[in-house]
N, C-alpha and C. Protein backbone atom coordinates (compact mmCIF):
# COMPACT_ATOMS: atom_id res chain seq x y z
N MET A 1 -215.23 -30.87 14.14
CA MET A 1 -216.11 -32.22 13.97
C MET A 1 -215.73 -33.08 13.05
N GLU A 2 -215.13 -32.61 11.71
CA GLU A 2 -214.69 -33.48 10.95
C GLU A 2 -213.45 -34.09 11.18
N ASN A 3 -212.56 -33.38 11.88
CA ASN A 3 -211.21 -33.81 12.45
C ASN A 3 -211.51 -35.09 13.23
N ALA A 4 -212.44 -35.08 14.03
CA ALA A 4 -212.97 -36.30 14.88
C ALA A 4 -213.31 -37.27 14.17
N LEU A 5 -213.87 -37.24 13.05
CA LEU A 5 -214.19 -38.25 12.08
C LEU A 5 -213.17 -38.84 11.50
N ARG A 6 -212.29 -38.19 11.20
CA ARG A 6 -211.05 -38.50 10.47
C ARG A 6 -209.92 -39.08 11.27
N ALA A 7 -209.97 -39.19 12.70
CA ALA A 7 -209.02 -39.42 13.48
C ALA A 7 -208.84 -41.13 13.69
N ASN A 8 -207.61 -41.39 13.63
CA ASN A 8 -207.30 -42.96 13.74
C ASN A 8 -207.64 -43.42 15.03
N PRO A 9 -208.55 -44.53 14.78
CA PRO A 9 -208.80 -45.15 16.01
C PRO A 9 -207.78 -45.81 16.88
N LEU A 10 -206.55 -46.04 16.36
CA LEU A 10 -205.31 -46.41 17.08
C LEU A 10 -204.84 -45.21 17.87
N GLU A 11 -204.92 -44.00 17.32
CA GLU A 11 -204.40 -42.99 17.89
C GLU A 11 -205.40 -42.56 19.25
N ILE A 12 -206.47 -42.73 18.88
CA ILE A 12 -207.56 -42.47 19.94
C ILE A 12 -207.41 -43.43 20.99
N ARG A 13 -206.97 -44.71 20.83
CA ARG A 13 -206.87 -45.74 22.00
C ARG A 13 -205.47 -45.33 22.71
N GLU A 14 -204.66 -45.08 21.94
CA GLU A 14 -203.42 -44.71 22.54
C GLU A 14 -203.43 -43.37 23.59
N GLN A 15 -204.23 -42.54 23.14
CA GLN A 15 -204.66 -41.21 23.94
C GLN A 15 -205.30 -41.80 25.16
N TYR A 16 -206.34 -42.78 25.10
CA TYR A 16 -207.17 -43.05 26.16
C TYR A 16 -206.17 -43.99 27.02
N GLU A 17 -205.50 -44.84 26.46
CA GLU A 17 -204.52 -45.68 27.18
C GLU A 17 -203.45 -44.76 28.29
N LYS A 18 -202.97 -43.83 27.51
CA LYS A 18 -202.07 -42.76 28.30
C LYS A 18 -202.75 -42.12 29.27
N GLN A 19 -203.91 -41.48 29.17
CA GLN A 19 -204.94 -40.98 30.18
C GLN A 19 -205.05 -42.04 31.32
N LEU A 20 -205.28 -43.17 30.89
CA LEU A 20 -205.68 -44.11 32.03
C LEU A 20 -204.40 -44.30 32.68
N LYS A 21 -203.34 -44.42 32.15
CA LYS A 21 -201.89 -44.99 32.99
C LYS A 21 -201.66 -43.53 33.94
N ASP A 22 -201.86 -42.39 33.44
CA ASP A 22 -201.65 -41.04 34.18
C ASP A 22 -202.81 -41.14 35.60
N LEU A 23 -203.90 -41.35 35.19
CA LEU A 23 -205.00 -41.57 36.42
C LEU A 23 -204.47 -42.56 37.43
N GLN A 24 -204.13 -43.85 36.75
CA GLN A 24 -203.75 -44.83 37.75
C GLN A 24 -202.73 -44.39 38.63
N GLU A 25 -201.54 -43.59 38.04
CA GLU A 25 -200.34 -43.21 38.70
C GLU A 25 -201.01 -42.20 39.77
N ALA A 26 -201.69 -41.25 39.52
CA ALA A 26 -202.05 -40.36 40.40
C ALA A 26 -203.18 -40.73 41.57
N TYR A 27 -203.86 -41.83 41.25
CA TYR A 27 -204.57 -42.49 42.24
C TYR A 27 -203.52 -43.40 43.21
N GLY A 28 -202.48 -43.92 42.84
CA GLY A 28 -201.31 -44.63 43.40
C GLY A 28 -200.77 -43.78 44.38
N GLU A 29 -200.40 -42.44 43.87
CA GLU A 29 -199.59 -41.48 44.77
C GLU A 29 -200.56 -40.88 45.78
N ALA A 30 -202.00 -40.76 45.24
CA ALA A 30 -203.10 -40.35 46.43
C ALA A 30 -202.97 -41.24 47.44
N MET A 31 -203.07 -42.63 47.17
CA MET A 31 -203.37 -43.80 48.22
C MET A 31 -202.03 -43.83 49.07
N LEU A 32 -200.77 -43.53 48.41
CA LEU A 32 -199.52 -43.53 49.12
C LEU A 32 -199.64 -42.45 50.16
N GLU A 33 -200.03 -41.32 49.76
CA GLU A 33 -199.98 -40.22 50.75
C GLU A 33 -201.08 -40.28 51.84
N LEU A 34 -202.46 -40.94 51.61
CA LEU A 34 -203.27 -41.09 52.23
C LEU A 34 -202.96 -42.26 53.64
N ARG A 35 -201.92 -43.25 53.00
CA ARG A 35 -201.45 -43.94 54.19
C ARG A 35 -200.49 -43.38 55.07
N ALA A 36 -199.55 -42.61 54.53
CA ALA A 36 -198.57 -41.83 55.19
C ALA A 36 -199.25 -40.94 56.30
N ARG A 37 -200.43 -40.28 55.89
CA ARG A 37 -201.03 -39.36 56.59
C ARG A 37 -201.78 -40.26 57.66
N LYS A 38 -202.35 -41.30 57.65
CA LYS A 38 -202.91 -42.25 58.69
C LYS A 38 -201.87 -42.57 59.60
N LYS A 39 -200.67 -43.01 59.03
CA LYS A 39 -199.48 -43.51 59.86
C LYS A 39 -199.07 -42.47 60.94
N LEU A 40 -199.04 -41.06 60.22
CA LEU A 40 -198.57 -40.26 61.01
C LEU A 40 -199.50 -39.55 62.16
N ALA A 41 -200.86 -39.68 61.91
CA ALA A 41 -201.84 -39.33 62.69
C ALA A 41 -201.69 -40.49 63.77
N ALA A 42 -201.68 -41.57 63.52
CA ALA A 42 -201.70 -42.56 64.80
C ALA A 42 -200.18 -42.33 65.42
N LEU A 43 -199.24 -41.92 65.09
CA LEU A 43 -198.01 -41.78 65.82
C LEU A 43 -198.35 -40.56 66.53
N MET A 44 -198.81 -39.45 66.04
CA MET A 44 -199.23 -38.27 66.87
C MET A 44 -200.01 -38.52 68.03
N GLU A 45 -200.94 -39.66 67.65
CA GLU A 45 -201.92 -39.78 68.95
C GLU A 45 -201.28 -40.54 69.86
N ARG A 46 -200.25 -41.18 69.44
CA ARG A 46 -199.48 -42.09 70.48
C ARG A 46 -198.58 -41.05 71.35
N GLU A 47 -198.13 -39.89 70.62
CA GLU A 47 -197.26 -39.28 71.35
C GLU A 47 -198.05 -38.44 72.39
N ASP A 48 -199.32 -38.02 72.06
CA ASP A 48 -200.24 -37.22 72.79
C ASP A 48 -200.64 -38.09 73.94
N ASP A 49 -200.61 -39.37 73.83
CA ASP A 49 -201.06 -40.33 74.96
C ASP A 49 -200.01 -40.34 75.91
N LYS A 50 -198.89 -40.07 75.69
CA LYS A 50 -197.48 -40.28 76.92
C LYS A 50 -197.79 -39.10 77.76
């Protein structure tokens, strides 16, 4: 607990900014994968209709 009180606010901010950046990157990757899966599903559906 004492260590948390002694922590430098700039270090805490940098830690949260890094975490936010990592989460944004993961979200972006997930969105790309979702788009790819939707396109694949649409292509597979077209193949099934033939």
